[in-house]
Amino acid sequence: MVKKIFYILSLYTVASLAGSCTKLHEQVLDETSSTGSTEKEVTEGLIAPVYAILPGLFQHTQYFALQQISTDQAILPYRGGTDWGDNGIYISLLRHETTSADPNVRNVWNNLTQGISRAILAITALPSSTDPNAPLFLAEARGMRAYYNLLCLDLFGIAFQKDDPQTNSVILRGNDAIEYIKSELLAIEPLLRDDTGPGRISKQAVWGLLARLHLQSAVYRDIYASSFSFTTDDMDKVIQYCDQIINSGKFALSPEYFEIFDDANHTNKELIFAVDQRADLNGHNRMAYFSLSGDQFPLAAYPGANGTDGPGITSDFYQTWKQAYAPNDPADMDGRFFKRNLDTTITCIPGNNFHIDRGILRGQQYGLIRTGGAFETCPNGDMKVGKLYNNTRNRPDLPVFFTEEINFSDFSNYNNGYRVEKYEFSRGSVSGRNFGEHDIVILRLADIYLMRAEAQLRKGAGNEAAALNDVNTIRAARTARIVPPALTEMNLDLLYRERGFELYWENIRRTDMIRFGKYEGTWTEKTNSDPKKRIFPIPQNAIDGASNLPGYLVQNDSY
């Protein structure tokens, strides 16, 4: 069926408003509040759906897939001959062979365009509201429209300029898109508050997004360039906005790295902007279970909550850790790499005290032993803990022993690849694998320091000391367990490596690789060096939907 693009970007959203919720301040707001009896309920019902797109967008098979599995950090092979085949879409993502029919690309596109549509609906309706919060909500709606457009520009090379729901969007590319997004963020910055928490767009969140936009502008101006021209003006703006965030005094680096990704991370002082997924919001992400073995059961209360043997890290990414700390083990040198929660010499643990290890998981895994659908217990009633085997895969002879090498040719078992357990497996949900209670990071303070360091380096010689100080500030702050040693020199290659260490698995790797000129490189199972693959194809159904407007929505080159 042929649809006009303005229908895709507006009216479709109106029909899809019911069924999700988000939180503003400490009150849960349902999208159906727009039918409420008070002006306050109606106003809240307009802004809530704008944020409600985020949990779906940040599911493990949407934005994460595009930003991580297309890079050297994450690889998702066809496991056991039965799991994660999915018609080869994850193999294609890693090999930069994605097509315009890819369902993950289509789902991300739909969520982004729906988010823009919901923002436009709110922007259109809020000016007539008499609720005292309406001006603030209007600014937040414009900010979220800018954020969704920033993601569209980063992923697909285009942004949508649209204010009137009854007209077609103007499609912007390159510098026009940059200037539009920038102008929207600058216009709302004075109107936003600085105390709304990480789940809403705030003044500091806008500063962070502006820093990210300026840092990436050289890429967006000429996405296929053989090298990018980073301007002094852009780098000065990055430094300015990062300074404002750091000097605001509202944020602090977390002494325990993995607390940033715990269930109760909503109040973590490192978070600036995040997907709010506290328990009463019914968040539906699987970031914690996605990479674990099917025989790892992190919750003593739920014998049905296990992993899915999804992606591991490539050996290429692991080697960056190994080489950085050789001859020492990175687990002994850097608390960001691994956190041991399980003492493998203890075989009986009270259920409430049982926590699986965090970070990059290697080798033999230990945990709760499930037999006949129930966990084994010790005579005193504690949970029995021991070596894990692939019982759920009908391979009780095969230990859950994660290996470094992982590829697309050996799918006879489930052990390939070191795994990542960065976000905490939700301890309070009914299953642990469908409902994520941790906020998913969009912006946090460590990234602000790293962006400022990078801007200093890109300004040229003489700024290395300032960049080194920013990187070492982050390292020195992780004091809870193993403090990474201070670095003694800094350059762009080391800064890129440090971004990998600090921000792995956080939906930023593809964007970083493109900016640093690494995306056309070679790594496990990937040799494609076509720069046209830096952005994804526009979904074919969107192209078809705009076919009655010739030349309006044009497919990206090489697709």
Protein backbone atom coordinates (compact mmCIF):
# COMPACT_ATOMS: atom_id res chain seq x y z
CA MET A 1 0.00 0.00 0.00
CA VAL A 2 1.37 3.41 -0.94
CA LYS A 3 1.54 5.92 1.91
CA LYS A 4 2.61 9.52 1.89
CA ILE A 5 5.62 10.25 4.04
CA PHE A 6 3.74 12.76 6.19
CA TYR A 7 1.31 9.97 7.03
CA ILE A 8 4.21 7.82 8.17
CA LEU A 9 5.57 10.70 10.23
CA SER A 10 2.36 11.83 11.89
CA LEU A 11 -0.99 10.13 11.54
CA TYR A 12 0.39 6.63 12.09
CA THR A 13 1.65 7.77 15.45
CA VAL A 14 -1.74 9.03 16.58
CA ALA A 15 -3.15 5.56 16.05
CA SER A 16 -0.29 4.02 18.04
CA LEU A 17 -0.32 6.11 21.19
CA ALA A 18 -1.85 3.61 23.60
CA GLY A 19 0.10 0.88 25.30
CA SER A 20 3.36 2.37 26.64
CA CYS A 21 4.31 4.64 29.46
CA THR A 22 7.16 6.77 30.68
CA LYS A 23 8.00 8.70 33.82
CA LEU A 24 8.29 12.42 34.39
CA HIS A 25 9.62 13.36 37.80
CA GLU A 26 8.40 10.64 40.19
CA GLN A 27 4.94 10.12 38.72
CA VAL A 28 4.29 7.47 36.10
CA LEU A 29 2.52 8.99 33.13
CA ASP A 30 0.53 6.83 30.77
CA GLU A 31 0.12 7.94 27.18
CA THR A 32 -3.62 7.50 27.46
CA SER A 33 -3.58 10.42 29.91
CA SER A 34 -4.31 12.53 26.85
CA THR A 35 -7.95 11.50 27.28
CA GLY A 36 -7.98 12.50 30.97
CA SER A 37 -10.35 14.95 32.55
CA THR A 38 -7.88 17.59 33.74
CA GLU A 39 -5.60 19.93 31.83
CA LYS A 40 -2.63 18.45 33.70
CA GLU A 41 -3.51 14.91 32.58
CA VAL A 42 -4.00 16.00 28.99
CA THR A 43 -0.68 17.85 28.96
CA GLU A 44 1.22 14.96 30.49
CA GLY A 45 -0.46 12.64 28.02
CA LEU A 46 1.09 14.64 25.20
CA ILE A 47 4.70 14.52 26.39
CA ALA A 48 4.72 10.96 27.77
CA PRO A 49 4.46 9.25 24.33
CA VAL A 50 7.46 11.22 23.09
CA TYR A 51 9.71 9.53 25.65
CA ALA A 52 7.91 6.19 25.39
CA ILE A 53 9.67 5.42 22.09
CA LEU A 54 13.03 5.06 23.84
CA PRO A 55 12.62 1.61 25.50
CA GLY A 56 11.65 0.01 22.19
CA LEU A 57 14.41 1.78 20.29
CA PHE A 58 17.00 0.59 22.81
CA GLN A 59 15.99 -3.06 22.69
CA HIS A 60 18.84 -5.45 22.06
CA THR A 61 17.87 -6.12 18.43
CA GLN A 62 17.37 -2.51 17.41
CA TYR A 63 19.74 0.36 18.10
CA PHE A 64 22.24 -1.92 19.85
CA ALA A 65 22.38 -4.22 16.84
CA LEU A 66 23.08 -1.41 14.41
CA GLN A 67 25.60 0.35 16.63
CA GLN A 68 27.46 -2.66 18.05
CA ILE A 69 27.05 -5.74 15.86
CA SER A 70 28.18 -3.75 12.81
CA THR A 71 31.51 -3.12 14.58
CA ASP A 72 34.59 -4.89 15.91
CA GLN A 73 33.11 -5.15 19.42
CA ALA A 74 30.13 -7.50 19.02
CA ILE A 75 29.55 -10.53 16.86
CA LEU A 76 26.41 -12.66 16.81
CA PRO A 77 26.98 -15.99 15.05
CA TYR A 78 24.51 -18.67 14.08
CA ARG A 79 24.63 -20.76 17.25
CA GLY A 80 24.13 -24.48 17.55
CA GLY A 81 22.68 -24.71 14.08
CA THR A 82 19.33 -23.43 15.38
CA ASP A 83 19.67 -20.10 17.22
CA TRP A 84 20.17 -16.57 15.92
CA GLY A 85 20.18 -17.55 12.25
CA ASP A 86 17.46 -14.99 11.50
CA ASN A 87 18.01 -15.26 7.74
CA GLY A 88 21.60 -14.07 8.11
CA ILE A 89 20.79 -10.50 9.19
CA TYR A 90 23.36 -10.44 12.00
CA ILE A 91 26.03 -11.93 9.77
CA SER A 92 25.22 -9.25 7.19
CA LEU A 93 25.40 -6.50 9.81
CA LEU A 94 28.93 -7.45 10.81
CA ARG A 95 30.04 -7.86 7.20
CA HIS A 96 28.49 -4.53 6.16
CA GLU A 97 26.19 -6.30 3.74
CA THR A 98 22.89 -5.14 5.22
CA THR A 99 20.03 -4.65 2.78
CA SER A 100 17.05 -2.29 2.73
CA ALA A 101 14.80 -5.18 3.77
CA ASP A 102 16.65 -5.79 7.05
CA PRO A 103 14.06 -5.95 9.88
CA ASN A 104 16.35 -4.41 12.50
CA VAL A 105 17.01 -1.44 10.24
CA ARG A 106 13.30 -1.13 9.54
CA ASN A 107 12.38 -1.28 13.23
CA VAL A 108 14.91 1.39 14.16
CA TRP A 109 13.67 3.60 11.32
CA ASN A 110 10.06 3.13 12.40
CA ASN A 111 10.83 3.97 16.01
CA LEU A 112 12.78 7.08 15.10
CA THR A 113 10.18 8.41 12.68
CA GLN A 114 7.42 7.59 15.13
CA GLY A 115 9.35 9.43 17.84
CA ILE A 116 9.59 12.47 15.59
CA SER A 117 5.88 12.22 14.87
CA ARG A 118 4.94 12.04 18.52
CA ALA A 119 7.13 15.04 19.24
CA ILE A 120 5.43 17.01 16.45
CA LEU A 121 2.01 16.10 17.83
CA ALA A 122 3.07 17.40 21.26
CA ILE A 123 4.68 20.52 19.78
CA THR A 124 1.46 21.29 17.92
CA ALA A 125 -0.89 20.76 20.86
CA LEU A 126 1.06 22.01 23.89
CA PRO A 127 0.98 25.77 23.08
CA SER A 128 -2.77 25.81 23.70
CA SER A 129 -2.47 24.21 27.14
CA THR A 130 -2.97 26.25 30.29
CA ASP A 131 -1.07 23.76 32.44
CA PRO A 132 1.95 25.46 34.10
CA ASN A 133 4.25 22.67 32.87
CA ALA A 134 3.24 23.05 29.22
CA PRO A 135 6.11 25.41 28.24
CA LEU A 136 8.66 23.03 29.78
CA PHE A 137 7.08 20.02 28.10
CA LEU A 138 7.06 21.90 24.80
CA ALA A 139 10.80 22.52 25.10
CA GLU A 140 11.37 18.85 25.97
CA ALA A 141 9.31 17.72 22.96
CA ARG A 142 11.45 19.89 20.68
CA GLY A 143 14.56 18.51 22.34
CA MET A 144 13.44 14.92 21.79
CA ARG A 145 12.59 15.69 18.17
CA ALA A 146 16.14 17.00 17.79
CA TYR A 147 17.55 13.89 19.48
CA TYR A 148 15.61 11.49 17.25
CA ASN A 149 16.72 13.51 14.23
CA LEU A 150 20.32 13.33 15.42
CA LEU A 151 20.05 9.54 15.46
CA CYS A 152 18.45 9.59 11.99
CA LEU A 153 21.32 11.69 10.70
CA ASP A 154 23.90 9.41 12.28
CA LEU A 155 22.33 6.16 11.06
CA PHE A 156 20.70 7.11 7.76
CA GLY A 157 22.31 10.40 6.74
CA ILE A 158 19.08 12.43 6.83
CA ALA A 159 16.98 14.51 9.20
CA PHE A 160 13.31 15.54 8.99
CA GLN A 161 12.33 19.18 9.39
CA LYS A 162 8.63 19.37 10.14
CA ASP A 163 6.34 21.50 12.31
CA ASP A 164 2.91 21.13 10.74
CA PRO A 165 1.48 17.60 10.94
CA GLN A 166 -0.47 18.22 7.73
CA THR A 167 2.57 18.93 5.54
CA ASN A 168 5.39 16.82 4.23
CA SER A 169 8.69 16.86 6.08
CA VAL A 170 11.62 18.63 4.50
CA ILE A 171 14.45 16.14 4.20
CA LEU A 172 17.81 17.57 5.24
CA ARG A 173 21.29 16.21 4.70
CA GLY A 174 24.81 17.25 5.57
CA ASN A 175 25.36 20.71 6.96
CA ASP A 176 21.68 21.65 6.59
CA ALA A 177 20.75 18.81 8.93
CA ILE A 178 23.48 19.77 11.40
CA GLU A 179 22.38 23.40 11.53
CA TYR A 180 18.72 22.46 11.96
CA ILE A 181 19.38 20.10 14.87
CA LYS A 182 21.79 22.59 16.44
CA SER A 183 19.30 25.45 16.15
CA GLU A 184 16.58 23.40 17.86
CA LEU A 185 18.83 22.44 20.76
CA LEU A 186 20.06 26.00 21.21
CA ALA A 187 16.50 27.35 21.12
CA ILE A 188 15.27 25.12 23.95
CA GLU A 189 18.35 25.18 26.19
CA PRO A 190 17.30 28.31 28.15
CA LEU A 191 13.82 26.84 28.70
CA LEU A 192 14.86 23.50 30.17
CA ARG A 193 15.41 22.62 33.81
CA ASP A 194 18.54 21.10 35.30
CA ASP A 195 16.85 18.93 37.93
CA THR A 196 14.54 16.63 35.98
CA GLY A 197 16.73 13.52 36.33
CA PRO A 198 18.41 11.42 33.67
CA GLY A 199 15.13 10.10 32.23
CA ARG A 200 14.17 13.46 30.73
CA ILE A 201 15.99 15.83 28.46
CA SER A 202 17.56 18.52 30.63
CA LYS A 203 19.79 21.53 30.17
CA GLN A 204 22.88 19.36 30.70
CA ALA A 205 21.57 16.69 28.32
CA VAL A 206 21.30 19.36 25.62
CA TRP A 207 24.88 20.44 26.30
CA GLY A 208 25.98 16.83 25.92
CA LEU A 209 24.08 16.36 22.68
CA LEU A 210 25.52 19.60 21.31
CA ALA A 211 29.02 18.41 22.22
CA ARG A 212 28.36 15.13 20.44
CA LEU A 213 26.92 16.92 17.41
CA HIS A 214 29.91 19.27 17.09
CA LEU A 215 32.37 16.41 17.58
CA GLN A 216 30.70 14.44 14.80
CA SER A 217 29.92 17.35 12.46
CA ALA A 218 32.92 16.75 10.21
CA VAL A 219 31.52 13.28 9.52
CA TYR A 220 27.98 14.45 8.92
CA ARG A 221 29.07 17.20 6.51
CA ASP A 222 30.82 14.71 4.21
CA ILE A 223 29.90 11.20 5.26
CA TYR A 224 31.88 9.42 2.52
CA ALA A 225 35.05 11.53 2.79
CA SER A 226 38.42 9.78 2.70
CA SER A 227 39.38 11.91 5.71
CA PHE A 228 37.38 14.28 7.87
CA SER A 229 38.07 17.98 8.41
CA PHE A 230 37.53 18.72 12.09
CA THR A 231 37.27 22.49 12.51
CA THR A 232 38.67 24.47 15.40
CA ASP A 233 35.29 26.12 15.88
CA ASP A 234 33.59 22.73 16.31
CA MET A 235 36.25 21.49 18.71
CA ASP A 236 36.02 24.68 20.76
CA LYS A 237 32.26 24.14 21.04
CA VAL A 238 32.81 20.56 22.20
CA ILE A 239 35.15 21.81 24.91
CA GLN A 240 32.75 24.61 25.88
CA TYR A 241 29.75 22.31 26.37
CA CYS A 242 31.80 19.64 28.13
CA ASP A 243 33.20 22.30 30.45
CA GLN A 244 29.68 23.45 31.28
CA ILE A 245 28.61 19.92 32.24
CA ILE A 246 31.75 19.15 34.26
CA ASN A 247 31.72 22.51 36.01
CA SER A 248 28.00 22.32 36.83
CA GLY A 249 28.81 20.17 39.86
CA LYS A 250 25.71 18.05 39.26
CA PHE A 251 27.51 14.90 38.16
CA ALA A 252 30.27 12.68 39.48
CA LEU A 253 32.27 9.74 38.18
CA SER A 254 31.23 6.50 39.86
CA PRO A 255 33.90 4.83 42.05
CA GLU A 256 32.45 1.42 41.14
CA TYR A 257 32.27 1.18 37.37
CA PHE A 258 29.54 -1.46 37.24
CA GLU A 259 27.23 0.47 39.56
CA ILE A 260 26.62 2.73 36.55
CA PHE A 261 24.80 -0.25 35.02
CA ASP A 262 23.08 -1.72 38.10
CA ASP A 263 19.33 -2.07 38.54
CA ALA A 264 19.29 0.93 40.86
CA ASN A 265 21.32 3.18 38.56
CA HIS A 266 18.63 5.85 38.10
CA THR A 267 20.20 7.93 40.87
CA ASN A 268 23.80 7.26 39.85
CA LYS A 269 25.51 10.64 39.65
CA GLU A 270 27.33 9.73 36.44
CA LEU A 271 24.14 9.57 34.34
CA ILE A 272 23.23 12.68 32.36
CA PHE A 273 20.63 11.34 29.93
CA ALA A 274 19.24 7.81 29.90
CA VAL A 275 16.31 5.58 29.00
CA ASP A 276 14.26 5.50 32.21
CA GLN A 277 13.34 1.89 32.88
CA ARG A 278 12.65 1.65 36.57
CA ALA A 279 10.45 -1.24 37.67
CA ASP A 280 7.10 0.54 37.51
CA LEU A 281 7.76 1.56 33.91
CA ASN A 282 7.65 -2.00 32.54
CA GLY A 283 10.87 -1.52 30.62
CA HIS A 284 11.37 -4.23 28.02
CA ASN A 285 15.06 -4.57 27.29
CA ARG A 286 17.22 -7.63 27.31
CA MET A 287 20.65 -6.07 27.53
CA ALA A 288 21.58 -8.15 30.58
CA TYR A 289 20.50 -11.54 29.26
CA PHE A 290 21.41 -11.11 25.58
CA SER A 291 25.01 -12.33 25.76
CA LEU A 292 24.79 -14.91 28.57
CA SER A 293 24.73 -18.66 28.13
CA GLY A 294 21.40 -20.45 28.15
CA ASP A 295 22.73 -22.25 31.21
CA GLN A 296 23.52 -19.14 33.21
CA PHE A 297 20.68 -18.40 35.61
CA PRO A 298 21.35 -15.12 37.46
CA LEU A 299 18.27 -15.13 39.71
CA ALA A 300 17.78 -17.64 42.48
CA ALA A 301 14.06 -16.76 42.59
CA TYR A 302 13.42 -17.51 38.90
CA PRO A 303 14.61 -20.83 37.42
CA GLY A 304 13.21 -19.75 34.04
CA ALA A 305 15.34 -16.61 33.74
CA ASN A 306 18.47 -17.42 31.79
CA GLY A 307 20.65 -16.19 28.97
CA THR A 308 20.19 -16.72 25.27
CA ASP A 309 23.72 -17.30 23.93
CA GLY A 310 23.63 -14.15 21.87
CA PRO A 311 26.59 -11.97 20.92
CA GLY A 312 30.13 -12.24 22.17
CA ILE A 313 33.01 -9.86 21.70
CA THR A 314 35.39 -10.39 18.80
CA SER A 315 38.89 -11.58 19.54
CA ASP A 316 40.04 -8.35 17.88
CA PHE A 317 38.44 -6.24 20.60
CA TYR A 318 39.64 -8.56 23.35
CA GLN A 319 43.19 -8.26 22.05
CA THR A 320 43.11 -4.49 22.55
CA TRP A 321 42.66 -5.15 26.27
CA LYS A 322 45.25 -7.91 26.36
CA GLN A 323 47.89 -5.93 24.51
CA ALA A 324 47.30 -2.80 26.58
CA TYR A 325 48.07 -4.63 29.84
CA ALA A 326 50.51 -7.34 28.73
CA PRO A 327 52.03 -9.31 30.34
CA ASN A 328 49.34 -8.87 33.01
CA ASP A 329 45.76 -10.04 32.75
CA PRO A 330 43.39 -7.10 32.10
CA ALA A 331 41.10 -8.42 34.85
CA ASP A 332 43.92 -7.77 37.33
CA MET A 333 44.66 -4.29 35.99
CA ASP A 334 41.38 -2.58 35.15
CA GLY A 335 38.15 -2.76 37.15
CA ARG A 336 36.16 -1.89 34.03
CA PHE A 337 37.06 -5.18 32.38
CA PHE A 338 35.67 -7.59 34.96
CA LYS A 339 34.07 -7.76 38.38
CA ARG A 340 34.08 -11.08 40.20
CA ASN A 341 30.96 -11.69 42.27
CA LEU A 342 31.17 -15.48 42.50
CA ASP A 343 33.71 -17.15 44.73
CA THR A 344 34.10 -20.48 42.95
CA THR A 345 35.44 -22.13 46.12
CA ILE A 346 32.07 -21.61 47.83
CA THR A 347 29.46 -24.16 46.80
CA CYS A 348 26.47 -23.04 48.87
CA ILE A 349 25.18 -19.46 48.72
CA PRO A 350 21.97 -17.93 50.13
CA GLY A 351 19.73 -17.04 47.22
CA ASN A 352 19.58 -13.35 48.10
CA ASN A 353 23.39 -13.19 48.08
CA PHE A 354 23.84 -14.82 44.70
CA HIS A 355 25.14 -12.48 41.98
CA ILE A 356 26.78 -13.45 38.73
CA ASP A 357 30.05 -11.96 37.56
CA ARG A 358 30.02 -8.75 35.53
CA GLY A 359 31.98 -7.39 32.61
CA ILE A 360 33.77 -9.58 30.07
CA LEU A 361 33.24 -13.24 30.96
CA ARG A 362 35.93 -15.77 29.95
CA GLY A 363 36.58 -19.45 30.41
CA GLN A 364 34.66 -21.82 32.67
CA GLN A 365 31.48 -20.34 34.08
CA TYR A 366 29.99 -21.13 37.48
CA GLY A 367 26.52 -20.59 38.80
CA LEU A 368 23.22 -22.05 39.93
CA ILE A 369 22.72 -25.64 38.90
CA ARG A 370 19.30 -26.40 37.47
CA THR A 371 18.00 -29.96 37.30
CA GLY A 372 14.53 -30.89 36.15
CA GLY A 373 13.49 -27.25 35.94
CA ALA A 374 14.47 -26.44 39.55
CA PHE A 375 17.67 -25.26 41.17
CA GLU A 376 19.60 -27.69 43.31
CA THR A 377 19.93 -26.74 46.97
CA CYS A 378 22.29 -27.58 49.79
CA PRO A 379 21.11 -29.36 52.97
CA ASN A 380 20.78 -26.00 54.76
CA GLY A 381 18.52 -24.64 52.02
CA ASP A 382 21.15 -22.46 50.34
CA MET A 383 21.55 -22.53 46.58
CA LYS A 384 24.09 -24.99 45.20
CA VAL A 385 26.73 -23.37 43.00
CA GLY A 386 29.17 -25.18 40.73
CA LYS A 387 30.51 -25.64 37.23
CA LEU A 388 27.96 -25.06 34.52
CA TYR A 389 27.24 -27.36 31.60
CA ASN A 390 25.09 -26.89 28.51
CA ASN A 391 22.14 -28.83 29.91
CA THR A 392 19.49 -26.60 28.32
CA ARG A 393 21.15 -27.25 24.95
CA ASN A 394 20.96 -31.02 25.51
CA ARG A 395 24.74 -31.13 25.82
CA PRO A 396 25.36 -32.07 29.46
CA ASP A 397 28.86 -33.20 28.44
CA LEU A 398 29.82 -29.73 27.23
CA PRO A 399 30.98 -27.25 29.91
CA VAL A 400 29.92 -23.63 29.68
CA PHE A 401 33.45 -22.55 28.87
CA PHE A 402 33.71 -19.34 26.83
CA THR A 403 36.54 -19.25 24.33
CA GLU A 404 38.26 -16.26 22.77
CA GLU A 405 37.75 -17.28 19.15
CA ILE A 406 34.32 -16.71 17.65
CA ASN A 407 33.31 -16.79 14.00
CA PHE A 408 30.55 -17.71 11.57
CA SER A 409 31.89 -21.07 10.45
CA ASP A 410 31.81 -23.08 13.69
CA PHE A 411 28.28 -23.25 15.05
CA SER A 412 28.38 -26.77 16.43
CA ASN A 413 28.22 -25.57 20.04
CA TYR A 414 27.43 -22.51 22.11
CA ASN A 415 30.79 -21.76 23.73
CA ASN A 416 32.38 -19.49 21.17
CA GLY A 417 33.27 -15.97 22.21
CA TYR A 418 33.84 -14.15 25.46
CA ARG A 419 30.54 -12.73 26.70
CA VAL A 420 29.52 -9.39 28.17
CA GLU A 421 27.42 -8.88 31.30
CA LYS A 422 27.64 -5.13 31.69
CA TYR A 423 24.08 -4.27 32.77
CA GLU A 424 22.81 -6.06 35.85
CA PHE A 425 20.37 -8.88 35.27
CA SER A 426 17.19 -7.43 36.76
CA ARG A 427 16.69 -8.81 40.26
CA GLY A 428 13.15 -7.62 40.80
CA SER A 429 11.25 -8.47 37.65
CA VAL A 430 9.05 -11.51 37.22
CA SER A 431 11.38 -13.18 34.76
CA GLY A 432 14.57 -11.17 34.73
CA ARG A 433 15.00 -11.44 31.00
CA ASN A 434 12.10 -9.43 29.62
CA PHE A 435 11.99 -6.46 31.97
CA GLY A 436 15.00 -4.24 32.45
CA GLU A 437 15.00 -2.06 35.55
CA HIS A 438 18.30 -0.37 34.82
CA ASP A 439 18.34 2.91 32.94
CA ILE A 440 20.14 2.49 29.62
CA VAL A 441 22.86 5.08 29.22
CA ILE A 442 22.59 7.69 26.47
CA LEU A 443 25.03 10.22 27.96
CA ARG A 444 27.22 9.93 31.03
CA LEU A 445 29.98 11.97 32.57
CA ALA A 446 32.90 9.77 31.49
CA ASP A 447 31.90 10.26 27.86
CA ILE A 448 31.92 14.01 28.45
CA TYR A 449 35.52 13.87 29.67
CA LEU A 450 36.47 11.68 26.71
CA MET A 451 34.78 13.99 24.19
CA ARG A 452 36.64 16.95 25.68
CA ALA A 453 39.91 15.04 25.49
CA GLU A 454 39.30 14.16 21.86
CA ALA A 455 38.46 17.75 20.96
CA GLN A 456 41.70 18.88 22.58
CA LEU A 457 43.69 16.40 20.51
CA ARG A 458 41.93 17.29 17.26
CA LYS A 459 42.79 20.97 17.79
CA GLY A 460 46.43 20.05 17.24
CA ALA A 461 49.78 19.86 18.99
CA GLY A 462 50.09 21.35 22.44
CA ASN A 463 46.87 19.96 23.86
CA GLU A 464 48.02 16.45 24.69
CA ALA A 465 48.51 17.20 28.39
CA ALA A 466 44.91 18.40 28.79
CA ALA A 467 43.61 15.32 26.98
CA LEU A 468 45.80 13.02 29.09
CA ASN A 469 44.51 14.64 32.26
CA ASP A 470 40.88 14.03 31.25
CA VAL A 471 41.51 10.36 30.51
CA ASN A 472 43.44 9.83 33.73
CA THR A 473 40.71 11.62 35.70
CA ILE A 474 38.29 8.88 34.64
CA ARG A 475 40.76 6.10 35.41
CA ALA A 476 41.63 7.49 38.82
CA ALA A 477 37.95 7.80 39.78
CA ARG A 478 37.29 4.02 39.63
CA THR A 479 38.52 3.46 43.16
CA ALA A 480 36.09 0.80 44.41
CA ARG A 481 38.20 -2.19 43.36
CA ILE A 482 41.01 -2.15 40.79
CA VAL A 483 42.10 1.33 39.72
CA PRO A 484 43.40 1.33 36.14
CA PRO A 485 46.97 2.66 36.04
CA ALA A 486 47.47 6.23 34.88
CA LEU A 487 48.59 6.64 31.28
CA THR A 488 51.75 8.58 30.53
CA GLU A 489 51.00 9.76 27.00
CA MET A 490 47.97 10.53 24.87
CA ASN A 491 47.21 10.60 21.17
CA LEU A 492 44.17 9.86 19.02
CA ASP A 493 44.91 6.14 18.78
CA LEU A 494 45.18 5.82 22.56
CA LEU A 495 42.07 7.95 23.00
CA TYR A 496 40.15 5.66 20.63
CA ARG A 497 41.35 2.64 22.60
CA GLU A 498 40.29 4.31 25.84
CA ARG A 499 36.80 4.99 24.48
CA GLY A 500 36.57 1.28 23.74
CA PHE A 501 37.59 0.36 27.28
CA GLU A 502 35.26 2.83 28.97
CA LEU A 503 32.21 2.73 26.67
CA TYR A 504 32.10 -0.84 25.32
CA TRP A 505 28.61 -2.25 24.73
CA GLU A 506 27.06 1.26 25.09
CA ASN A 507 25.66 1.86 21.58
CA ILE A 508 28.43 4.24 20.52
CA ARG A 509 31.05 2.05 18.82
CA ARG A 510 29.91 2.43 15.18
CA THR A 511 29.78 6.21 15.50
CA ASP A 512 33.26 6.21 17.06
CA MET A 513 34.73 3.89 14.45
CA ILE A 514 33.53 6.09 11.60
CA ARG A 515 34.85 9.27 13.21
CA PHE A 516 38.25 7.70 13.89
CA GLY A 517 38.52 6.21 10.38
CA LYS A 518 38.30 2.59 11.58
CA TYR A 519 34.97 1.46 10.15
CA GLU A 520 36.41 0.28 6.82
CA GLY A 521 38.99 -1.85 8.60
CA THR A 522 39.24 -5.63 8.76
CA TRP A 523 38.28 -7.70 11.79
CA THR A 524 36.76 -11.10 12.54
CA GLU A 525 34.57 -12.15 9.60
CA LYS A 526 34.58 -8.64 8.12
CA THR A 527 36.65 -7.38 5.15
CA ASN A 528 34.26 -4.95 3.41
CA SER A 529 36.00 -1.58 3.03
CA ASP A 530 33.24 0.30 1.20
CA PRO A 531 32.84 3.78 2.79
CA LYS A 532 29.27 3.90 1.46
CA LYS A 533 28.37 1.43 4.23
CA ARG A 534 28.99 4.05 6.92
CA ILE A 535 25.27 4.75 6.90
CA PHE A 536 22.45 2.24 6.62
CA PRO A 537 19.89 1.84 3.86
CA ILE A 538 16.56 3.58 4.14
CA PRO A 539 14.03 0.74 4.53
CA GLN A 540 12.46 -0.24 1.25
CA ASN A 541 8.93 0.02 2.64
CA ALA A 542 9.61 3.69 3.45
CA ILE A 543 10.90 4.28 -0.09
CA ASP A 544 7.80 2.57 -1.47
CA GLY A 545 5.58 4.59 0.85
CA ALA A 546 6.89 7.81 -0.62
CA SER A 547 6.80 6.63 -4.23
CA ASN A 548 3.95 9.02 -5.10
CA LEU A 549 6.38 11.88 -4.42
CA PRO A 550 9.12 11.36 -7.05
CA GLY A 551 12.60 12.21 -5.82
CA TYR A 552 11.40 12.86 -2.27
CA LEU A 553 12.91 9.96 -0.34
CA VAL A 554 16.03 8.77 -2.18
CA GLN A 555 17.87 5.61 -1.21
CA ASN A 556 21.40 6.03 0.13
CA ASP A 557 24.27 5.23 -2.22
CA SER A 558 25.28 1.57 -2.68
CA TYR A 559 21.91 0.15 -1.55
